[in-house]
Amino acid sequence: MFVPDSIAEAQDFNEATRQRTPSKDKVTGERVWQCRVMDMDPELGSRSREVSIKILSNVQPVPPVGPFQQVEFENLTVTPYVGSNGRLAYSFRATGIVAPKTLTETRGKAS
């Protein structure tokens, strides 16, 4: 995944007051941030390459690398649901964003 340097606070819309307020996770109470990422997998063909990943954090996450560099997400979960159009959709949530590990770092952790 590549992050185009865009992490913004997620907003909830209150129908009664017609105002937007910062989103908070219903379980943890932490603030929710949205990070747009691009998947450059060539097998995607003409399908959408951009998704939004929600990051739970009380402070705004900062990408550990420059724009359009690879990143990894900590504790990434994917939740499938049926969208308003009746099609299958996915919600992506994470607890952090980090620079990708090298092969050496990954192997060292496994031993």
PDB file of N, CA and C in Angstrom:
ATOM      1  N   MET A   1       0.831  -1.179   0.000  1.00  0.00           N
ATOM      2  CA  MET A   1       0.000   0.000   0.000  1.00  0.00           C
ATOM      3  C   MET A   1       0.877   1.245   0.000  1.00  0.00           C
ATOM      4  N   PHE A   2       0.439   2.242  -0.708  1.00  0.00           N
ATOM      5  CA  PHE A   2       1.129   3.527  -0.759  1.00  0.00           C
ATOM      6  C   PHE A   2       0.210   4.590  -0.177  1.00  0.00           C
ATOM      7  N   VAL A   3       0.760   5.460   0.652  1.00  0.00           N
ATOM      8  CA  VAL A   3      -0.049   6.521   1.248  1.00  0.00           C
ATOM      9  C   VAL A   3       0.289   7.846   0.553  1.00  0.00           C
ATOM     10  N   PRO A   4      -0.728   8.529  -0.019  1.00  0.00           N
ATOM     11  CA  PRO A   4      -0.459   9.794  -0.699  1.00  0.00           C
ATOM     12  C   PRO A   4      -0.460  10.996   0.244  1.00  0.00           C
ATOM     13  N   ASP A   5      -0.018  10.799   1.463  1.00  0.00           N
ATOM     14  CA  ASP A   5       0.146  11.887   2.430  1.00  0.00           C
ATOM     15  C   ASP A   5      -1.167  12.573   2.768  1.00  0.00           C
ATOM     16  N   SER A   6      -2.189  11.788   3.065  1.00  0.00           N
ATOM     17  CA  SER A   6      -3.479  12.389   3.383  1.00  0.00           C
ATOM     18  C   SER A   6      -4.149  11.647   4.532  1.00  0.00           C
ATOM     19  N   ILE A   7      -3.906  12.097   5.737  1.00  0.00           N
ATOM     20  CA  ILE A   7      -4.586  11.541   6.902  1.00  0.00           C
ATOM     21  C   ILE A   7      -5.416  12.667   7.502  1.00  0.00           C
ATOM     22  N   ALA A   8      -6.724  12.457   7.578  1.00  0.00           N
ATOM     23  CA  ALA A   8      -7.630  13.487   8.079  1.00  0.00           C
ATOM     24  C   ALA A   8      -8.546  12.900   9.142  1.00  0.00           C
ATOM     25  N   GLU A   9      -9.015  13.751  10.017  1.00  0.00           N
ATOM     26  CA  GLU A   9      -9.926  13.310  11.066  1.00  0.00           C
ATOM     27  C   GLU A   9     -11.266  12.920  10.445  1.00  0.00           C
ATOM     28  N   ALA A  10     -11.768  11.742  10.810  1.00  0.00           N
ATOM     29  CA  ALA A  10     -13.076  11.297  10.333  1.00  0.00           C
ATOM     30  C   ALA A  10     -14.154  12.112  11.043  1.00  0.00           C
ATOM     31  N   GLN A  11     -15.246  12.358  10.349  1.00  0.00           N
ATOM     32  CA  GLN A  11     -16.326  13.179  10.894  1.00  0.00           C
ATOM     33  C   GLN A  11     -17.638  12.406  10.882  1.00  0.00           C
ATOM     34  N   ASP A  12     -18.437  12.611  11.932  1.00  0.00           N
ATOM     35  CA  ASP A  12     -19.799  12.088  11.989  1.00  0.00           C
ATOM     36  C   ASP A  12     -20.752  13.248  11.725  1.00  0.00           C
ATOM     37  N   PHE A  13     -21.875  12.961  11.073  1.00  0.00           N
ATOM     38  CA  PHE A  13     -22.871  13.999  10.823  1.00  0.00           C
ATOM     39  C   PHE A  13     -24.046  13.774  11.759  1.00  0.00           C
ATOM     40  N   ASN A  14     -24.410  14.803  12.520  1.00  0.00           N
ATOM     41  CA  ASN A  14     -25.533  14.734  13.449  1.00  0.00           C
ATOM     42  C   ASN A  14     -26.763  15.304  12.742  1.00  0.00           C
ATOM     43  N   GLU A  15     -27.741  14.437  12.466  1.00  0.00           N
ATOM     44  CA  GLU A  15     -28.957  14.868  11.763  1.00  0.00           C
ATOM     45  C   GLU A  15     -29.711  15.938  12.548  1.00  0.00           C
ATOM     46  N   ALA A  16     -29.767  15.813  13.871  1.00  0.00           N
ATOM     47  CA  ALA A  16     -30.535  16.749  14.695  1.00  0.00           C
ATOM     48  C   ALA A  16     -29.950  18.157  14.653  1.00  0.00           C
ATOM     49  N   THR A  17     -28.632  18.265  14.786  1.00  0.00           N
ATOM     50  CA  THR A  17     -27.992  19.583  14.823  1.00  0.00           C
ATOM     51  C   THR A  17     -27.493  20.030  13.455  1.00  0.00           C
ATOM     52  N   ARG A  18     -27.471  19.104  12.477  1.00  0.00           N
ATOM     53  CA  ARG A  18     -26.961  19.373  11.130  1.00  0.00           C
ATOM     54  C   ARG A  18     -25.494  19.792  11.151  1.00  0.00           C
ATOM     55  N   GLN A  19     -24.740  19.282  12.143  1.00  0.00           N
ATOM     56  CA  GLN A  19     -23.330  19.626  12.263  1.00  0.00           C
ATOM     57  C   GLN A  19     -22.477  18.362  12.233  1.00  0.00           C
ATOM     58  N   ARG A  20     -21.228  18.566  11.870  1.00  0.00           N
ATOM     59  CA  ARG A  20     -20.254  17.470  11.873  1.00  0.00           C
ATOM     60  C   ARG A  20     -19.430  17.555  13.147  1.00  0.00           C
ATOM     61  N   THR A  21     -19.141  16.376  13.706  1.00  0.00           N
ATOM     62  CA  THR A  21     -18.305  16.297  14.903  1.00  0.00           C
ATOM     63  C   THR A  21     -17.242  15.228  14.674  1.00  0.00           C
ATOM     64  N   PRO A  22     -16.102  15.317  15.366  1.00  0.00           N
ATOM     65  CA  PRO A  22     -15.066  14.286  15.211  1.00  0.00           C
ATOM     66  C   PRO A  22     -15.601  12.900  15.568  1.00  0.00           C
ATOM     67  N   SER A  23     -15.281  11.914  14.744  1.00  0.00           N
ATOM     68  CA  SER A  23     -15.703  10.531  14.998  1.00  0.00           C
ATOM     69  C   SER A  23     -14.908   9.935  16.147  1.00  0.00           C
ATOM     70  N   LYS A  24     -15.597   9.116  16.940  1.00  0.00           N
ATOM     71  CA  LYS A  24     -14.945   8.353  18.003  1.00  0.00           C
ATOM     72  C   LYS A  24     -15.371   6.901  17.858  1.00  0.00           C
ATOM     73  N   ASP A  25     -14.433   5.993  18.092  1.00  0.00           N
ATOM     74  CA  ASP A  25     -14.725   4.570  18.018  1.00  0.00           C
ATOM     75  C   ASP A  25     -15.693   4.202  19.131  1.00  0.00           C
ATOM     76  N   LYS A  26     -16.742   3.466  18.791  1.00  0.00           N
ATOM     77  CA  LYS A  26     -17.769   3.114  19.774  1.00  0.00           C
ATOM     78  C   LYS A  26     -17.261   2.180  20.865  1.00  0.00           C
ATOM     79  N   VAL A  27     -16.242   1.376  20.571  1.00  0.00           N
ATOM     80  CA  VAL A  27     -15.723   0.415  21.548  1.00  0.00           C
ATOM     81  C   VAL A  27     -14.629   1.024  22.416  1.00  0.00           C
ATOM     82  N   THR A  28     -13.633   1.654  21.786  1.00  0.00           N
ATOM     83  CA  THR A  28     -12.471   2.151  22.531  1.00  0.00           C
ATOM     84  C   THR A  28     -12.592   3.610  22.955  1.00  0.00           C
ATOM     85  N   GLY A  29     -13.455   4.370  22.290  1.00  0.00           N
ATOM     86  CA  GLY A  29     -13.573   5.793  22.580  1.00  0.00           C
ATOM     87  C   GLY A  29     -12.478   6.630  21.937  1.00  0.00           C
ATOM     88  N   GLU A  30     -11.571   5.982  21.197  1.00  0.00           N
ATOM     89  CA  GLU A  30     -10.482   6.719  20.557  1.00  0.00           C
ATOM     90  C   GLU A  30     -10.990   7.464  19.323  1.00  0.00           C
ATOM     91  N   ARG A  31     -10.297   8.546  18.977  1.00  0.00           N
ATOM     92  CA  ARG A  31     -10.637   9.293  17.778  1.00  0.00           C
ATOM     93  C   ARG A  31     -10.336   8.445  16.544  1.00  0.00           C
ATOM     94  N   VAL A  32     -11.051   8.731  15.469  1.00  0.00           N
ATOM     95  CA  VAL A  32     -10.912   7.980  14.225  1.00  0.00           C
ATOM     96  C   VAL A  32     -10.345   8.913  13.153  1.00  0.00           C
ATOM     97  N   TRP A  33      -9.308   8.419  12.479  1.00  0.00           N
ATOM     98  CA  TRP A  33      -8.652   9.159  11.400  1.00  0.00           C
ATOM     99  C   TRP A  33      -8.791   8.356  10.122  1.00  0.00           C
ATOM    100  N   GLN A  34      -8.916   9.031   8.989  1.00  0.00           N
ATOM    101  CA  GLN A  34      -9.022   8.348   7.704  1.00  0.00           C
ATOM    102  C   GLN A  34      -7.749   8.567   6.902  1.00  0.00           C
ATOM    103  N   CYS A  35      -7.235   7.460   6.387  1.00  0.00           N
ATOM    104  CA  CYS A  35      -6.008   7.498   5.588  1.00  0.00           C
ATOM    105  C   CYS A  35      -6.314   6.890   4.222  1.00  0.00           C
ATOM    106  N   ARG A  36      -6.199   7.699   3.181  1.00  0.00           N
ATOM    107  CA  ARG A  36      -6.382   7.181   1.821  1.00  0.00           C
ATOM    108  C   ARG A  36      -5.098   6.479   1.401  1.00  0.00           C
ATOM    109  N   VAL A  37      -5.241   5.299   0.842  1.00  0.00           N
ATOM    110  CA  VAL A  37      -4.080   4.559   0.351  1.00  0.00           C
ATOM    111  C   VAL A  37      -4.355   4.052  -1.058  1.00  0.00           C
ATOM    112  N   MET A  38      -3.281   3.766  -1.766  1.00  0.00           N
ATOM    113  CA  MET A  38      -3.396   3.240  -3.122  1.00  0.00           C
ATOM    114  C   MET A  38      -2.725   1.877  -3.192  1.00  0.00           C
ATOM    115  N   ASP A  39      -3.414   0.928  -3.815  1.00  0.00           N
ATOM    116  CA  ASP A  39      -2.885  -0.416  -4.037  1.00  0.00           C
ATOM    117  C   ASP A  39      -2.433  -0.485  -5.491  1.00  0.00           C
ATOM    118  N   MET A  40      -1.152  -0.682  -5.700  1.00  0.00           N
ATOM    119  CA  MET A  40      -0.609  -0.680  -7.058  1.00  0.00           C
ATOM    120  C   MET A  40      -0.494  -2.084  -7.662  1.00  0.00           C
ATOM    121  N   ASP A  41      -1.260  -3.045  -7.146  1.00  0.00           N
ATOM    122  CA  ASP A  41      -1.245  -4.407  -7.669  1.00  0.00           C
ATOM    123  C   ASP A  41      -1.703  -4.397  -9.129  1.00  0.00           C
ATOM    124  N   PRO A  42      -0.859  -4.853 -10.072  1.00  0.00           N
ATOM    125  CA  PRO A  42      -1.239  -4.830 -11.490  1.00  0.00           C
ATOM    126  C   PRO A  42      -2.421  -5.747 -11.806  1.00  0.00           C
ATOM    127  N   GLU A  43      -2.702  -6.717 -10.954  1.00  0.00           N
ATOM    128  CA  GLU A  43      -3.817  -7.628 -11.205  1.00  0.00           C
ATOM    129  C   GLU A  43      -5.174  -6.962 -10.985  1.00  0.00           C
ATOM    130  N   LEU A  44      -5.195  -5.756 -10.421  1.00  0.00           N
ATOM    131  CA  LEU A  44      -6.463  -5.059 -10.207  1.00  0.00           C
ATOM    132  C   LEU A  44      -7.073  -4.578 -11.516  1.00  0.00           C
ATOM    133  N   GLY A  45      -6.251  -4.454 -12.544  1.00  0.00           N
ATOM    134  CA  GLY A  45      -6.764  -3.992 -13.833  1.00  0.00           C
ATOM    135  C   GLY A  45      -7.391  -2.618 -13.714  1.00  0.00           C
ATOM    136  N   SER A  46      -8.644  -2.499 -14.153  1.00  0.00           N
ATOM    137  CA  SER A  46      -9.320  -1.198 -14.132  1.00  0.00           C
ATOM    138  C   SER A  46     -10.097  -0.952 -12.838  1.00  0.00           C
ATOM    139  N   ARG A  47     -10.070  -1.904 -11.917  1.00  0.00           N
ATOM    140  CA  ARG A  47     -10.792  -1.715 -10.654  1.00  0.00           C
ATOM    141  C   ARG A  47     -10.148  -0.624  -9.809  1.00  0.00           C
ATOM    142  N   SER A  48     -10.901  -0.104  -8.871  1.00  0.00           N
ATOM    143  CA  SER A  48     -10.423   0.984  -8.018  1.00  0.00           C
ATOM    144  C   SER A  48      -9.171   0.571  -7.257  1.00  0.00           C
ATOM    145  N   ARG A  49      -8.221   1.465  -7.205  1.00  0.00           N
ATOM    146  CA  ARG A  49      -6.965   1.214  -6.505  1.00  0.00           C
ATOM    147  C   ARG A  49      -6.897   1.977  -5.187  1.00  0.00           C
ATOM    148  N   GLU A  50      -7.869   2.822  -4.916  1.00  0.00           N
ATOM    149  CA  GLU A  50      -7.819   3.641  -3.709  1.00  0.00           C
ATOM    150  C   GLU A  50      -8.842   3.155  -2.692  1.00  0.00           C
ATOM    151  N   VAL A  51      -8.404   3.023  -1.446  1.00  0.00           N
ATOM    152  CA  VAL A  51      -9.300   2.681  -0.342  1.00  0.00           C
ATOM    153  C   VAL A  51      -8.978   3.605   0.825  1.00  0.00           C
ATOM    154  N   SER A  52      -9.914   3.677   1.750  1.00  0.00           N
ATOM    155  CA  SER A  52      -9.714   4.483   2.949  1.00  0.00           C
ATOM    156  C   SER A  52      -9.583   3.534   4.132  1.00  0.00           C
ATOM    157  N   ILE A  53      -8.551   3.735   4.926  1.00  0.00           N
ATOM    158  CA  ILE A  53      -8.339   2.920   6.119  1.00  0.00           C
ATOM    159  C   ILE A  53      -8.536   3.814   7.326  1.00  0.00           C
ATOM    160  N   LYS A  54      -9.373   3.373   8.249  1.00  0.00           N
ATOM    161  CA  LYS A  54      -9.614   4.137   9.472  1.00  0.00           C
ATOM    162  C   LYS A  54      -8.588   3.722  10.517  1.00  0.00           C
ATOM    163  N   ILE A  55      -7.941   4.718  11.111  1.00  0.00           N
ATOM    164  CA  ILE A  55      -6.928   4.473  12.134  1.00  0.00           C
ATOM    165  C   ILE A  55      -7.450   5.013  13.455  1.00  0.00           C
ATOM    166  N   LEU A  56      -7.456   4.163  14.492  1.00  0.00           N
ATOM    167  CA  LEU A  56      -7.911   4.577  15.816  1.00  0.00           C
ATOM    168  C   LEU A  56      -6.725   5.097  16.604  1.00  0.00           C
ATOM    169  N   SER A  57      -6.785   6.377  16.998  1.00  0.00           N
ATOM    170  CA  SER A  57      -5.682   6.984  17.728  1.00  0.00           C
ATOM    171  C   SER A  57      -6.155   8.300  18.326  1.00  0.00           C
ATOM    172  N   ASN A  58      -5.727   8.582  19.559  1.00  0.00           N
ATOM    173  CA  ASN A  58      -6.103   9.850  20.181  1.00  0.00           C
ATOM    174  C   ASN A  58      -5.338  11.033  19.604  1.00  0.00           C
ATOM    175  N   VAL A  59      -4.225  10.772  18.906  1.00  0.00           N
ATOM    176  CA  VAL A  59      -3.469  11.839  18.242  1.00  0.00           C
ATOM    177  C   VAL A  59      -3.406  11.529  16.748  1.00  0.00           C
ATOM    178  N   GLN A  60      -3.289  12.563  15.927  1.00  0.00           N
ATOM    179  CA  GLN A  60      -3.263  12.358  14.486  1.00  0.00           C
ATOM    180  C   GLN A  60      -2.036  11.553  14.075  1.00  0.00           C
ATOM    181  N   PRO A  61      -2.241  10.411  13.405  1.00  0.00           N
ATOM    182  CA  PRO A  61      -1.109   9.619  12.920  1.00  0.00           C
ATOM    183  C   PRO A  61      -0.339  10.398  11.848  1.00  0.00           C
ATOM    184  N   VAL A  62       0.953  10.184  11.813  1.00  0.00           N
ATOM    185  CA  VAL A  62       1.818  10.823  10.824  1.00  0.00           C
ATOM    186  C   VAL A  62       2.467   9.718   9.998  1.00  0.00           C
ATOM    187  N   PRO A  63       2.352   9.792   8.677  1.00  0.00           N
ATOM    188  CA  PRO A  63       3.002   8.765   7.859  1.00  0.00           C
ATOM    189  C   PRO A  63       4.497   8.713   8.164  1.00  0.00           C
ATOM    190  N   PRO A  64       5.060   7.507   8.355  1.00  0.00           N
ATOM    191  CA  PRO A  64       6.470   7.368   8.714  1.00  0.00           C
ATOM    192  C   PRO A  64       7.420   7.578   7.533  1.00  0.00           C
ATOM    193  N   VAL A  65       6.851   7.733   6.354  1.00  0.00           N
ATOM    194  CA  VAL A  65       7.641   7.895   5.132  1.00  0.00           C
ATOM    195  C   VAL A  65       7.043   9.039   4.319  1.00  0.00           C
ATOM    196  N   GLY A  66       7.688   9.392   3.223  1.00  0.00           N
ATOM    197  CA  GLY A  66       7.195  10.467   2.371  1.00  0.00           C
ATOM    198  C   GLY A  66       5.973  10.055   1.568  1.00  0.00           C
ATOM    199  N   PRO A  67       5.369  11.030   0.861  1.00  0.00           N
ATOM    200  CA  PRO A  67       4.194  10.729   0.036  1.00  0.00           C
ATOM    201  C   PRO A  67       4.492   9.658  -1.010  1.00  0.00           C
ATOM    202  N   PHE A  68       3.509   8.820  -1.241  1.00  0.00           N
ATOM    203  CA  PHE A  68       3.564   7.743  -2.227  1.00  0.00           C
ATOM    204  C   PHE A  68       4.689   6.745  -1.958  1.00  0.00           C
ATOM    205  N   GLN A  69       4.984   6.541  -0.677  1.00  0.00           N
ATOM    206  CA  GLN A  69       5.930   5.512  -0.258  1.00  0.00           C
ATOM    207  C   GLN A  69       5.126   4.372   0.367  1.00  0.00           C
ATOM    208  N   GLN A  70       5.719   3.188   0.433  1.00  0.00           N
ATOM    209  CA  GLN A  70       5.022   2.039   1.005  1.00  0.00           C
ATOM    210  C   GLN A  70       4.884   2.187   2.513  1.00  0.00           C
ATOM    211  N   VAL A  71       3.763   1.661   3.040  1.00  0.00           N
ATOM    212  CA  VAL A  71       3.511   1.655   4.478  1.00  0.00           C
ATOM    213  C   VAL A  71       2.891   0.314   4.865  1.00  0.00           C
ATOM    214  N   GLU A  72       2.898   0.042   6.162  1.00  0.00           N
ATOM    215  CA  GLU A  72       2.185  -1.104   6.724  1.00  0.00           C
ATOM    216  C   GLU A  72       1.275  -0.571   7.819  1.00  0.00           C
ATOM    217  N   PHE A  73       0.193  -1.294   8.063  1.00  0.00           N
ATOM    218  CA  PHE A  73      -0.742  -0.907   9.107  1.00  0.00           C
ATOM    219  C   PHE A  73      -0.682  -1.911  10.239  1.00  0.00           C
ATOM    220  N   GLU A  74      -0.696  -1.408  11.472  1.00  0.00           N
ATOM    221  CA  GLU A  74      -0.665  -2.280  12.647  1.00  0.00           C
ATOM    222  C   GLU A  74      -2.086  -2.714  12.987  1.00  0.00           C
ATOM    223  N   ASN A  75      -2.230  -3.992  13.327  1.00  0.00           N
ATOM    224  CA  ASN A  75      -3.516  -4.559  13.745  1.00  0.00           C
ATOM    225  C   ASN A  75      -4.634  -4.261  12.747  1.00  0.00           C
ATOM    226  N   LEU A  76      -4.345  -4.433  11.470  1.00  0.00           N
ATOM    227  CA  LEU A  76      -5.328  -4.166  10.417  1.00  0.00           C
ATOM    228  C   LEU A  76      -6.425  -5.226  10.449  1.00  0.00           C
ATOM    229  N   THR A  77      -7.668  -4.765  10.453  1.00  0.00           N
ATOM    230  CA  THR A  77      -8.808  -5.680  10.371  1.00  0.00           C
ATOM    231  C   THR A  77      -9.647  -5.300   9.158  1.00  0.00           C
ATOM    232  N   VAL A  78     -10.278  -6.296   8.568  1.00  0.00           N
ATOM    233  CA  VAL A  78     -11.145  -6.080   7.416  1.00  0.00           C
ATOM    234  C   VAL A  78     -12.512  -6.643   7.775  1.00  0.00           C
ATOM    235  N   THR A  79     -13.536  -5.793   7.668  1.00  0.00           N
ATOM    236  CA  THR A  79     -14.894  -6.208   7.995  1.00  0.00           C
ATOM    237  C   THR A  79     -15.757  -6.110   6.739  1.00  0.00           C
ATOM    238  N   PRO A  80     -16.268  -7.249   6.255  1.00  0.00           N
ATOM    239  CA  PRO A  80     -17.155  -7.189   5.089  1.00  0.00           C
ATOM    240  C   PRO A  80     -18.562  -6.756   5.516  1.00  0.00           C
ATOM    241  N   TYR A  81     -19.253  -6.050   4.623  1.00  0.00           N
ATOM    242  CA  TYR A  81     -20.646  -5.667   4.876  1.00  0.00           C
ATOM    243  C   TYR A  81     -21.333  -5.460   3.528  1.00  0.00           C
ATOM    244  N   VAL A  82     -22.654  -5.401   3.554  1.00  0.00           N
ATOM    245  CA  VAL A  82     -23.415  -5.146   2.338  1.00  0.00           C
ATOM    246  C   VAL A  82     -23.703  -3.649   2.289  1.00  0.00           C
ATOM    247  N   GLY A  83     -23.248  -2.998   1.226  1.00  0.00           N
ATOM    248  CA  GLY A  83     -23.428  -1.554   1.075  1.00  0.00           C
ATOM    249  C   GLY A  83     -24.857  -1.193   0.709  1.00  0.00           C
ATOM    250  N   SER A  84     -25.132   0.103   0.667  1.00  0.00           N
ATOM    251  CA  SER A  84     -26.483   0.583   0.368  1.00  0.00           C
ATOM    252  C   SER A  84     -26.936   0.200  -1.041  1.00  0.00           C
ATOM    253  N   ASN A  85     -25.984  -0.106  -1.925  1.00  0.00           N
ATOM    254  CA  ASN A  85     -26.327  -0.528  -3.285  1.00  0.00           C
ATOM    255  C   ASN A  85     -26.532  -2.040  -3.393  1.00  0.00           C
ATOM    256  N   GLY A  86     -26.439  -2.748  -2.247  1.00  0.00           N
ATOM    257  CA  GLY A  86     -26.640  -4.188  -2.237  1.00  0.00           C
ATOM    258  C   GLY A  86     -25.403  -4.996  -2.588  1.00  0.00           C
ATOM    259  N   ARG A  87     -24.285  -4.329  -2.810  1.00  0.00           N
ATOM    260  CA  ARG A  87     -23.042  -5.023  -3.163  1.00  0.00           C
ATOM    261  C   ARG A  87     -22.157  -5.195  -1.941  1.00  0.00           C
ATOM    262  N   LEU A  88     -21.306  -6.209  -2.003  1.00  0.00           N
ATOM    263  CA  LEU A  88     -20.364  -6.471  -0.924  1.00  0.00           C
ATOM    264  C   LEU A  88     -19.321  -5.359  -0.868  1.00  0.00           C
ATOM    265  N   ALA A  89     -19.050  -4.869   0.340  1.00  0.00           N
ATOM    266  CA  ALA A  89     -18.045  -3.824   0.543  1.00  0.00           C
ATOM    267  C   ALA A  89     -17.218  -4.214   1.762  1.00  0.00           C
ATOM    268  N   TYR A  90     -16.143  -3.473   1.999  1.00  0.00           N
ATOM    269  CA  TYR A  90     -15.249  -3.791   3.109  1.00  0.00           C
ATOM    270  C   TYR A  90     -14.907  -2.529   3.883  1.00  0.00           C
ATOM    271  N   SER A  91     -14.787  -2.681   5.195  1.00  0.00           N
ATOM    272  CA  SER A  91     -14.332  -1.603   6.067  1.00  0.00           C
ATOM    273  C   SER A  91     -12.961  -2.008   6.599  1.00  0.00           C
ATOM    274  N   PHE A  92     -11.977  -1.115   6.462  1.00  0.00           N
ATOM    275  CA  PHE A  92     -10.607  -1.377   6.914  1.00  0.00           C
ATOM    276  C   PHE A  92     -10.314  -0.514   8.133  1.00  0.00           C
ATOM    277  N   ARG A  93      -9.801  -1.147   9.214  1.00  0.00           N
ATOM    278  CA  ARG A  93      -9.463  -0.414  10.431  1.00  0.00           C
ATOM    279  C   ARG A  93      -8.096  -0.873  10.920  1.00  0.00           C
ATOM    280  N   ALA A  94      -7.358   0.053  11.520  1.00  0.00           N
ATOM    281  CA  ALA A  94      -6.024  -0.251  12.044  1.00  0.00           C
ATOM    282  C   ALA A  94      -5.786   0.579  13.299  1.00  0.00           C
ATOM    283  N   THR A  95      -4.723   0.239  14.017  1.00  0.00           N
ATOM    284  CA  THR A  95      -4.371   1.010  15.218  1.00  0.00           C
ATOM    285  C   THR A  95      -3.116   1.843  15.015  1.00  0.00           C
ATOM    286  N   GLY A  96      -2.461   1.705  13.862  1.00  0.00           N
ATOM    287  CA  GLY A  96      -1.259   2.491  13.608  1.00  0.00           C
ATOM    288  C   GLY A  96      -0.775   2.319  12.191  1.00  0.00           C
ATOM    289  N   ILE A  97       0.161   3.182  11.815  1.00  0.00           N
ATOM    290  CA  ILE A  97       0.773   3.151  10.495  1.00  0.00           C
ATOM    291  C   ILE A  97       2.288   3.211  10.693  1.00  0.00           C
ATOM    292  N   VAL A  98       3.011   2.289  10.037  1.00  0.00           N
ATOM    293  CA  VAL A  98       4.462   2.192  10.223  1.00  0.00           C
ATOM    294  C   VAL A  98       5.153   2.006   8.874  1.00  0.00           C
ATOM    295  N   ALA A  99       6.459   2.251   8.868  1.00  0.00           N
ATOM    296  CA  ALA A  99       7.261   1.970   7.676  1.00  0.00           C
ATOM    297  C   ALA A  99       7.326   0.456   7.497  1.00  0.00           C
ATOM    298  N   PRO A 100       7.366  -0.034   6.263  1.00  0.00           N
ATOM    299  CA  PRO A 100       7.417  -1.482   6.053  1.00  0.00           C
ATOM    300  C   PRO A 100       8.712  -2.081   6.584  1.00  0.00           C
ATOM    301  N   LYS A 101       8.588  -3.298   7.083  1.00  0.00           N
ATOM    302  CA  LYS A 101       9.760  -4.018   7.598  1.00  0.00           C
ATOM    303  C   LYS A 101      10.540  -4.622   6.434  1.00  0.00           C
ATOM    304  N   THR A 102      11.835  -4.723   6.612  1.00  0.00           N
ATOM    305  CA  THR A 102      12.661  -5.395   5.610  1.00  0.00           C
ATOM    306  C   THR A 102      12.534  -6.901   5.806  1.00  0.00           C
ATOM    307  N   LEU A 103      12.979  -7.662   4.842  1.00  0.00           N
ATOM    308  CA  LEU A 103      12.948  -9.120   4.944  1.00  0.00           C
ATOM    309  C   LEU A 103      13.765  -9.580   6.144  1.00  0.00           C
ATOM    310  N   THR A 104      14.908  -8.941   6.395  1.00  0.00           N
ATOM    311  CA  THR A 104      15.757  -9.295   7.540  1.00  0.00           C
ATOM    312  C   THR A 104      15.018  -9.057   8.849  1.00  0.00           C
ATOM    313  N   GLU A 105      14.333  -7.928   8.965  1.00  0.00           N
ATOM    314  CA  GLU A 105      13.574  -7.625  10.182  1.00  0.00           C
ATOM    315  C   GLU A 105      12.453  -8.637  10.385  1.00  0.00           C
ATOM    316  N   THR A 106      11.786  -9.010   9.300  1.00  0.00           N
ATOM    317  CA  THR A 106      10.692  -9.973   9.387  1.00  0.00           C
ATOM    318  C   THR A 106      11.205 -11.341   9.819  1.00  0.00           C
ATOM    319  N   ARG A 107      12.305 -11.795   9.240  1.00  0.00           N
ATOM    320  CA  ARG A 107      12.876 -13.102   9.601  1.00  0.00           C
ATOM    321  C   ARG A 107      13.385 -13.101  11.028  1.00  0.00           C
ATOM    322  N   GLY A 108      13.992 -12.015  11.463  1.00  0.00           N
ATOM    323  CA  GLY A 108      14.515 -11.921  12.827  1.00  0.00           C
ATOM    324  C   GLY A 108      13.424 -12.018  13.868  1.00  0.00           C
ATOM    325  N   LYS A 109      12.238 -11.524  13.550  1.00  0.00           N
ATOM    326  CA  LYS A 109      11.120 -11.552  14.482  1.00  0.00           C
ATOM    327  C   LYS A 109      10.560 -12.962  14.631  1.00  0.00           C
ATOM    328  N   ALA A 110      10.641 -13.749  13.558  1.00  0.00           N
ATOM    329  CA  ALA A 110      10.078 -15.096  13.567  1.00  0.00           C
ATOM    330  C   ALA A 110      10.921 -16.078  14.360  1.00  0.00           C
ATOM    331  N   SER A 111      12.215 -15.806  14.526  1.00  0.00           N
ATOM    332  CA  SER A 111      13.054 -16.791  15.206  1.00  0.00           C
ATOM    333  C   SER A 111      13.081 -16.605  16.692  1.00  0.00           C
TER     334      SER A 111
END
